[in-house]
N, C-alpha and C. Protein backbone atom coordinates (compact mmCIF):
# COMPACT_ATOMS: atom_id res chain seq x y z
N MET A 1 45.97 12.73 -25.53
CA MET A 1 46.68 12.74 -24.85
C MET A 1 47.72 13.75 -25.10
N ILE A 2 48.32 14.59 -23.95
CA ILE A 2 49.00 15.82 -24.09
C ILE A 2 50.59 15.42 -23.65
N ALA A 3 51.47 15.82 -24.10
CA ALA A 3 52.69 15.70 -23.73
C ALA A 3 53.58 16.78 -24.05
N ALA A 4 54.33 17.39 -23.06
CA ALA A 4 55.01 18.52 -23.19
C ALA A 4 56.44 18.37 -22.74
N THR A 5 57.45 18.86 -23.12
CA THR A 5 58.83 18.98 -22.51
C THR A 5 59.73 20.22 -23.43
N THR A 6 60.75 20.19 -22.83
CA THR A 6 61.71 21.07 -23.75
C THR A 6 63.00 20.33 -23.79
N LEU A 7 63.61 20.07 -24.81
CA LEU A 7 64.92 19.45 -25.03
C LEU A 7 66.11 20.06 -25.61
N GLU A 8 67.16 20.17 -24.85
CA GLU A 8 68.27 20.68 -25.13
C GLU A 8 69.20 19.71 -25.40
N ARG A 9 69.91 19.75 -26.77
CA ARG A 9 70.71 18.58 -27.27
C ARG A 9 72.19 18.78 -27.31
N ARG A 10 72.87 18.45 -26.20
CA ARG A 10 74.41 18.42 -26.31
C ARG A 10 75.17 16.99 -26.47
N PRO A 11 75.91 16.56 -27.24
CA PRO A 11 76.60 15.39 -27.26
C PRO A 11 77.56 15.54 -26.10
N ALA A 12 77.13 14.33 -25.33
CA ALA A 12 78.28 13.92 -24.28
C ALA A 12 78.29 12.40 -24.09
N PRO A 13 79.52 11.79 -23.49
CA PRO A 13 79.89 10.48 -23.53
C PRO A 13 78.67 9.95 -22.45
N HIS A 14 77.80 9.21 -22.99
CA HIS A 14 77.02 8.11 -22.08
C HIS A 14 76.32 7.25 -23.22
N PRO A 15 76.68 5.63 -22.80
CA PRO A 15 76.21 4.98 -23.71
C PRO A 15 74.82 4.80 -24.05
N ASP A 16 74.09 5.16 -22.98
CA ASP A 16 72.39 4.80 -23.01
C ASP A 16 71.88 6.09 -23.34
N ARG A 17 72.41 7.06 -23.04
CA ARG A 17 71.54 8.45 -23.39
C ARG A 17 72.65 9.36 -24.02
N PRO A 18 72.59 9.21 -25.47
CA PRO A 18 73.64 10.13 -26.21
C PRO A 18 73.59 11.72 -25.92
N PHE A 19 72.43 11.97 -25.49
CA PHE A 19 72.48 13.68 -25.21
C PHE A 19 72.68 14.03 -23.93
N PHE A 20 72.95 12.91 -22.99
CA PHE A 20 73.30 13.46 -21.49
C PHE A 20 74.24 14.51 -21.32
N ARG A 21 73.52 15.20 -20.35
CA ARG A 21 74.48 16.67 -19.86
C ARG A 21 74.81 16.21 -18.40
N PRO A 22 76.02 16.39 -17.98
CA PRO A 22 76.33 16.68 -16.66
C PRO A 22 75.65 17.57 -15.73
N PRO A 23 75.42 17.50 -14.53
CA PRO A 23 74.80 18.84 -13.80
C PRO A 23 75.94 20.01 -14.13
N ASP A 24 75.20 21.45 -14.18
CA ASP A 24 76.05 22.52 -14.41
C ASP A 24 76.60 22.50 -13.10
N ARG A 25 77.44 24.02 -13.33
CA ARG A 25 78.43 24.44 -12.18
C ARG A 25 77.89 24.39 -10.90
N ASP A 26 76.53 25.00 -10.82
CA ASP A 26 75.74 24.95 -9.43
C ASP A 26 75.52 23.73 -9.11
N GLY A 27 75.53 22.53 -9.82
CA GLY A 27 75.09 21.48 -9.55
C GLY A 27 73.45 21.11 -9.81
N CYS A 28 72.88 22.05 -10.58
CA CYS A 28 71.58 21.92 -11.25
C CYS A 28 71.49 20.74 -12.06
N CYS A 29 70.63 19.88 -11.98
CA CYS A 29 70.28 18.85 -12.63
C CYS A 29 69.00 19.24 -13.49
N HIS A 30 68.67 18.63 -14.45
CA HIS A 30 67.74 18.82 -15.67
C HIS A 30 66.62 17.87 -15.51
N THR A 31 65.29 18.44 -15.69
CA THR A 31 64.18 17.68 -15.37
C THR A 31 63.26 17.80 -16.79
N ALA A 32 62.65 16.83 -17.29
CA ALA A 32 61.88 16.62 -18.39
C ALA A 32 60.43 16.36 -17.69
N ILE A 33 59.55 16.72 -18.08
CA ILE A 33 57.94 16.63 -17.62
C ILE A 33 57.11 16.03 -18.78
N VAL A 34 56.73 14.93 -18.57
CA VAL A 34 55.91 14.32 -19.79
C VAL A 34 54.35 14.44 -18.75
N SER A 35 53.29 15.21 -19.45
CA SER A 35 52.09 15.40 -19.12
C SER A 35 51.17 14.84 -19.82
N VAL A 36 50.32 13.77 -19.04
CA VAL A 36 49.31 12.81 -19.64
C VAL A 36 47.99 13.57 -19.54
N GLY A 37 47.38 13.89 -20.40
CA GLY A 37 45.91 14.38 -20.54
C GLY A 37 44.88 13.36 -20.99
N GLY A 38 43.84 13.05 -20.45
CA GLY A 38 42.70 12.22 -20.84
C GLY A 38 42.92 10.78 -20.84
N ASP A 39 42.74 9.74 -21.72
CA ASP A 39 42.96 8.49 -21.78
C ASP A 39 44.28 8.16 -22.08
N LEU A 40 45.00 6.90 -21.08
CA LEU A 40 46.43 6.69 -21.79
C LEU A 40 45.88 5.22 -22.19
N ASP A 41 45.82 4.93 -23.34
CA ASP A 41 45.11 3.38 -23.71
C ASP A 41 45.81 3.06 -25.01
N ALA A 42 45.19 1.99 -25.61
CA ALA A 42 45.66 1.55 -26.92
C ALA A 42 45.70 2.61 -27.92
N THR A 43 44.95 3.66 -28.10
CA THR A 43 45.07 4.51 -29.06
C THR A 43 46.08 5.47 -28.83
N SER A 44 46.64 6.01 -27.65
CA SER A 44 47.52 6.65 -27.47
C SER A 44 48.85 6.72 -26.68
N ILE A 45 48.98 5.18 -26.38
CA ILE A 45 50.35 4.79 -26.08
C ILE A 45 51.25 4.81 -26.89
N GLY A 46 51.20 4.72 -28.26
CA GLY A 46 52.43 4.96 -29.05
C GLY A 46 53.03 6.41 -28.95
N GLN A 47 52.08 7.21 -28.77
CA GLN A 47 52.57 8.54 -28.79
C GLN A 47 53.26 8.66 -27.68
N PHE A 48 52.47 8.44 -26.56
CA PHE A 48 53.12 8.66 -25.04
C PHE A 48 54.67 7.74 -25.11
N ARG A 49 54.56 6.63 -25.69
CA ARG A 49 55.93 5.93 -25.52
C ARG A 49 57.21 6.81 -26.32
N GLN A 50 56.53 7.39 -27.50
CA GLN A 50 57.30 8.12 -28.31
C GLN A 50 57.84 9.24 -27.54
N VAL A 51 57.26 10.18 -27.02
CA VAL A 51 57.55 11.28 -26.03
C VAL A 51 58.44 10.83 -24.83
N LEU A 52 57.98 9.90 -23.99
CA LEU A 52 58.63 9.34 -23.00
C LEU A 52 60.02 8.74 -23.38
N ASP A 53 60.01 7.94 -24.47
CA ASP A 53 61.38 7.32 -24.71
C ASP A 53 62.34 8.61 -25.26
N LEU A 54 61.95 9.69 -25.82
CA LEU A 54 62.73 10.86 -26.32
C LEU A 54 63.40 11.58 -24.78
N ALA A 55 62.40 11.74 -24.08
CA ALA A 55 62.86 12.45 -22.89
C ALA A 55 63.70 11.50 -22.00
N LEU A 56 63.66 9.94 -22.24
CA LEU A 56 64.49 9.27 -21.38
C LEU A 56 65.93 9.06 -22.14
N SER A 57 66.28 9.33 -23.40
CA SER A 57 67.45 9.32 -24.08
C SER A 57 68.11 10.74 -24.55
N THR A 58 67.71 11.60 -23.67
CA THR A 58 68.29 13.01 -23.84
C THR A 58 68.87 13.54 -22.62
N CYS A 59 69.22 14.68 -22.36
CA CYS A 59 70.13 15.23 -21.34
C CYS A 59 69.59 15.25 -19.94
N TYR A 60 68.51 14.77 -19.79
CA TYR A 60 67.87 14.99 -18.24
C TYR A 60 68.59 14.01 -17.27
N HIS A 61 68.49 14.33 -16.30
CA HIS A 61 68.76 13.51 -15.05
C HIS A 61 67.28 12.95 -14.48
N ARG A 62 66.51 13.49 -14.85
CA ARG A 62 65.26 13.40 -14.23
C ARG A 62 63.95 13.42 -15.15
N VAL A 63 62.92 12.40 -15.16
CA VAL A 63 61.81 12.56 -15.81
C VAL A 63 60.59 12.39 -14.80
N VAL A 64 59.70 13.30 -15.14
CA VAL A 64 58.42 13.52 -14.20
C VAL A 64 57.46 12.86 -14.98
N ILE A 65 56.64 12.05 -14.88
CA ILE A 65 55.31 11.56 -15.73
C ILE A 65 54.11 12.29 -14.92
N ASP A 66 53.57 13.16 -15.23
CA ASP A 66 52.46 13.98 -14.60
C ASP A 66 51.14 13.31 -15.02
N LEU A 67 50.65 12.53 -14.13
CA LEU A 67 49.49 11.65 -14.53
C LEU A 67 47.99 12.51 -13.84
N SER A 68 48.34 13.88 -13.31
CA SER A 68 47.32 14.64 -12.76
C SER A 68 45.79 14.54 -13.39
N ALA A 69 46.35 14.96 -14.75
CA ALA A 69 45.07 15.05 -15.77
C ALA A 69 44.78 14.11 -16.46
N ALA A 70 45.15 12.83 -16.35
CA ALA A 70 44.92 11.80 -16.56
C ALA A 70 43.31 11.35 -16.35
N ASP A 71 42.53 10.91 -17.48
CA ASP A 71 41.20 10.25 -17.02
C ASP A 71 41.48 8.72 -16.75
N PHE A 72 42.00 8.14 -17.42
CA PHE A 72 42.04 6.64 -17.50
C PHE A 72 43.45 6.28 -18.11
N VAL A 73 43.84 5.00 -17.11
CA VAL A 73 45.23 4.36 -17.87
C VAL A 73 45.00 2.90 -18.02
N SER A 74 45.15 2.61 -19.31
CA SER A 74 44.81 0.87 -19.20
C SER A 74 45.95 0.10 -18.45
N ILE A 75 45.52 -1.17 -18.50
CA ILE A 75 46.55 -2.00 -17.76
C ILE A 75 47.78 -2.28 -18.81
N ALA A 76 47.83 -2.42 -19.92
CA ALA A 76 48.68 -2.16 -20.96
C ALA A 76 49.74 -0.93 -20.96
N ALA A 77 48.91 0.16 -20.65
CA ALA A 77 49.68 1.51 -20.67
C ALA A 77 50.23 1.38 -19.17
N ALA A 78 49.98 0.82 -18.38
CA ALA A 78 50.51 0.56 -16.92
C ALA A 78 51.66 0.02 -17.28
N ALA A 79 51.66 -1.18 -17.77
CA ALA A 79 52.82 -2.02 -18.15
C ALA A 79 54.21 -1.27 -18.96
N GLN A 80 53.52 -0.49 -19.65
CA GLN A 80 54.71 0.28 -20.40
C GLN A 80 55.34 1.16 -19.33
N LEU A 81 54.70 1.44 -18.39
CA LEU A 81 55.16 2.35 -17.20
C LEU A 81 56.28 1.80 -16.64
N GLY A 82 56.05 0.36 -16.25
CA GLY A 82 56.73 -0.35 -15.45
C GLY A 82 58.03 -0.63 -16.58
N GLU A 83 57.90 -0.81 -17.88
CA GLU A 83 59.08 -1.01 -18.75
C GLU A 83 60.00 0.28 -18.61
N ALA A 84 59.31 1.54 -18.72
CA ALA A 84 60.03 2.91 -18.93
C ALA A 84 61.03 2.92 -17.43
N LYS A 85 60.29 2.43 -16.41
CA LYS A 85 61.06 2.41 -15.05
C LYS A 85 62.43 1.66 -15.41
N ARG A 86 62.10 0.30 -15.90
CA ARG A 86 63.27 -0.48 -15.79
C ARG A 86 64.18 0.13 -16.78
N GLN A 87 63.84 0.81 -17.80
CA GLN A 87 64.60 1.51 -18.78
C GLN A 87 65.66 2.39 -17.78
N ALA A 88 64.60 3.33 -17.30
CA ALA A 88 65.35 4.57 -16.29
C ALA A 88 66.49 3.88 -15.44
N LEU A 89 65.91 2.78 -14.93
CA LEU A 89 67.11 2.37 -13.85
C LEU A 89 68.31 1.91 -14.66
N ARG A 90 68.14 1.53 -15.72
CA ARG A 90 69.55 0.89 -16.67
C ARG A 90 70.28 2.04 -16.82
N SER A 91 69.68 3.35 -17.08
CA SER A 91 70.43 4.49 -17.34
C SER A 91 70.56 5.12 -16.48
N ARG A 92 70.39 4.81 -15.08
CA ARG A 92 70.89 5.46 -13.97
C ARG A 92 70.15 6.87 -14.15
N LEU A 93 68.71 6.89 -14.30
CA LEU A 93 67.77 8.16 -14.32
C LEU A 93 66.56 7.91 -13.47
N ASP A 94 66.51 9.29 -12.94
CA ASP A 94 65.32 9.25 -11.74
C ASP A 94 64.01 9.32 -12.97
N LEU A 95 63.05 8.45 -12.63
CA LEU A 95 61.79 8.41 -13.20
C LEU A 95 60.55 8.38 -12.08
N THR A 96 60.00 9.45 -12.01
CA THR A 96 59.05 9.68 -10.93
C THR A 96 57.69 9.88 -11.30
N LEU A 97 56.55 9.85 -10.78
CA LEU A 97 55.20 9.97 -10.96
C LEU A 97 54.52 11.21 -10.14
N VAL A 98 53.93 11.91 -11.00
CA VAL A 98 52.74 13.00 -10.20
C VAL A 98 51.48 12.16 -10.02
N SER A 99 51.16 11.95 -8.81
CA SER A 99 49.91 11.05 -8.67
C SER A 99 48.53 11.61 -9.80
N GLY A 100 47.77 10.60 -10.14
CA GLY A 100 46.71 10.95 -10.73
C GLY A 100 45.15 10.59 -9.91
N PRO A 101 44.02 11.03 -10.70
CA PRO A 101 43.08 10.78 -9.83
C PRO A 101 42.72 9.18 -9.59
N PRO A 102 41.77 8.75 -8.59
CA PRO A 102 41.59 7.65 -7.93
C PRO A 102 41.48 6.37 -8.84
N ALA A 103 40.89 6.56 -10.23
CA ALA A 103 40.87 5.50 -11.23
C ALA A 103 42.14 4.99 -11.55
N VAL A 104 42.97 6.14 -11.84
CA VAL A 104 44.34 6.05 -12.38
C VAL A 104 45.24 5.39 -11.27
N GLU A 105 45.18 5.80 -10.19
CA GLU A 105 45.84 5.15 -9.07
C GLU A 105 45.62 3.73 -8.66
N HIS A 106 43.99 3.23 -8.95
CA HIS A 106 43.54 2.08 -8.75
C HIS A 106 44.44 1.28 -9.78
N VAL A 107 44.64 1.56 -10.94
CA VAL A 107 45.00 0.85 -12.23
C VAL A 107 46.42 0.38 -11.59
N LEU A 108 47.06 1.41 -11.08
CA LEU A 108 48.55 1.47 -10.69
C LEU A 108 48.98 0.65 -9.64
N ARG A 109 48.07 0.66 -8.81
CA ARG A 109 48.06 -0.27 -7.59
C ARG A 109 47.64 -1.78 -7.85
N VAL A 110 46.71 -1.80 -8.58
CA VAL A 110 46.82 -3.41 -8.69
C VAL A 110 47.35 -4.35 -9.78
N THR A 111 48.00 -3.37 -10.70
CA THR A 111 49.02 -4.15 -11.60
C THR A 111 50.38 -4.08 -10.89
N GLY A 112 50.71 -3.59 -9.51
CA GLY A 112 51.81 -3.62 -8.93
C GLY A 112 53.14 -2.53 -9.64
N ILE A 113 52.27 -1.69 -10.39
CA ILE A 113 53.19 -0.48 -11.10
C ILE A 113 53.75 0.47 -9.89
N ARG A 114 52.55 0.89 -9.18
CA ARG A 114 52.75 1.84 -8.18
C ARG A 114 53.87 1.46 -7.38
N ASP A 115 54.01 0.42 -6.69
CA ASP A 115 55.34 0.06 -5.84
C ASP A 115 56.61 0.55 -6.77
N LEU A 116 56.85 0.76 -7.94
CA LEU A 116 57.99 0.87 -8.49
C LEU A 116 58.40 2.35 -8.50
N PHE A 117 57.55 3.22 -8.41
CA PHE A 117 57.96 4.75 -8.52
C PHE A 117 58.00 5.32 -6.95
N ARG A 118 58.76 6.50 -6.97
CA ARG A 118 58.60 7.50 -6.12
C ARG A 118 57.38 8.38 -6.90
N TYR A 119 56.50 8.83 -6.18
CA TYR A 119 55.41 9.71 -6.56
C TYR A 119 55.21 10.66 -5.74
N HIS A 120 54.89 12.12 -6.63
CA HIS A 120 54.46 13.05 -5.73
C HIS A 120 53.03 13.67 -5.97
N SER A 121 52.66 14.61 -5.08
CA SER A 121 51.25 15.25 -5.23
C SER A 121 51.02 16.31 -6.24
N SER A 122 52.33 16.72 -6.64
CA SER A 122 51.99 17.85 -7.62
C SER A 122 53.51 18.00 -8.22
N ILE A 123 53.49 18.66 -9.58
CA ILE A 123 54.59 19.04 -10.15
C ILE A 123 55.65 19.92 -9.26
N ARG A 124 55.17 20.56 -8.67
CA ARG A 124 55.89 21.61 -7.77
C ARG A 124 56.85 20.73 -6.89
N SER A 125 56.46 19.76 -6.43
CA SER A 125 56.92 18.40 -5.36
C SER A 125 57.86 17.78 -6.01
N ALA A 126 57.37 17.51 -7.35
CA ALA A 126 58.55 16.64 -8.12
C ALA A 126 59.48 17.28 -8.67
N VAL A 127 59.59 18.46 -8.68
CA VAL A 127 60.69 19.07 -9.65
C VAL A 127 61.55 19.94 -8.44
N ALA A 128 61.06 19.82 -7.20
CA ALA A 128 61.68 20.56 -6.12
C ALA A 128 63.04 19.56 -5.94
N PRO A 129 64.07 20.37 -5.22
CA PRO A 129 65.12 19.51 -4.69
C PRO A 129 64.61 18.29 -3.82
N SER A 130 65.56 17.65 -3.90
CA SER A 130 64.80 16.41 -3.23
C SER A 130 64.87 16.72 -1.33
N THR A 131 63.73 16.72 -0.91
CA THR A 131 63.39 16.85 0.64
C THR A 131 62.81 15.74 1.48
N GLY A 132 62.81 14.67 0.86
CA GLY A 132 62.02 13.38 1.32
C GLY A 132 60.38 13.78 1.22
N ASP A 133 59.93 14.50 0.24
CA ASP A 133 58.56 14.68 0.33
C ASP A 133 58.05 13.65 -0.49
N ALA A 134 58.65 13.00 -1.39
CA ALA A 134 58.03 11.94 -2.17
C ALA A 134 57.71 10.61 -1.35
N VAL A 135 56.81 10.15 -1.93
CA VAL A 135 56.25 8.89 -1.05
C VAL A 135 56.20 7.85 -2.13
N GLY A 136 56.49 6.74 -1.45
CA GLY A 136 56.61 5.19 -2.15
C GLY A 136 58.41 5.05 -2.61
N THR A 137 58.39 3.93 -3.43
CA THR A 137 59.90 3.54 -3.40
C THR A 137 60.27 3.94 -4.99
N ASP A 138 61.63 3.81 -4.63
CA ASP A 138 62.54 4.12 -6.08
C ASP A 138 62.76 2.68 -6.82
């Protein structure tokens, strides 16, 4: 599994996200991207949650999980995505997905996790200002 993000830490008042930072003067919000490559299963879910939890607890307003390079997502990993979405909602944080290959999308559909997320066809679409290009529900 591959996970990448850049973290900027600045203390600010927010009980659920201690490193939260409000939008800058231009209204720009900050986005973390967590990219998954290979299999997201019992051997990698711990590392994935560690990276995702860090992204969810920092200064970002939006976290994008990029599944485009994932080969496989286990049912347990899909359940973790659902829990991450609930955590994000409690923290008033936008958590979205970049679609994965058909096998990954199948697992997300049959577990009911797909319906929890807005999702995009590419990273570019996911990080662009909201234009209604996202598919799915929040």
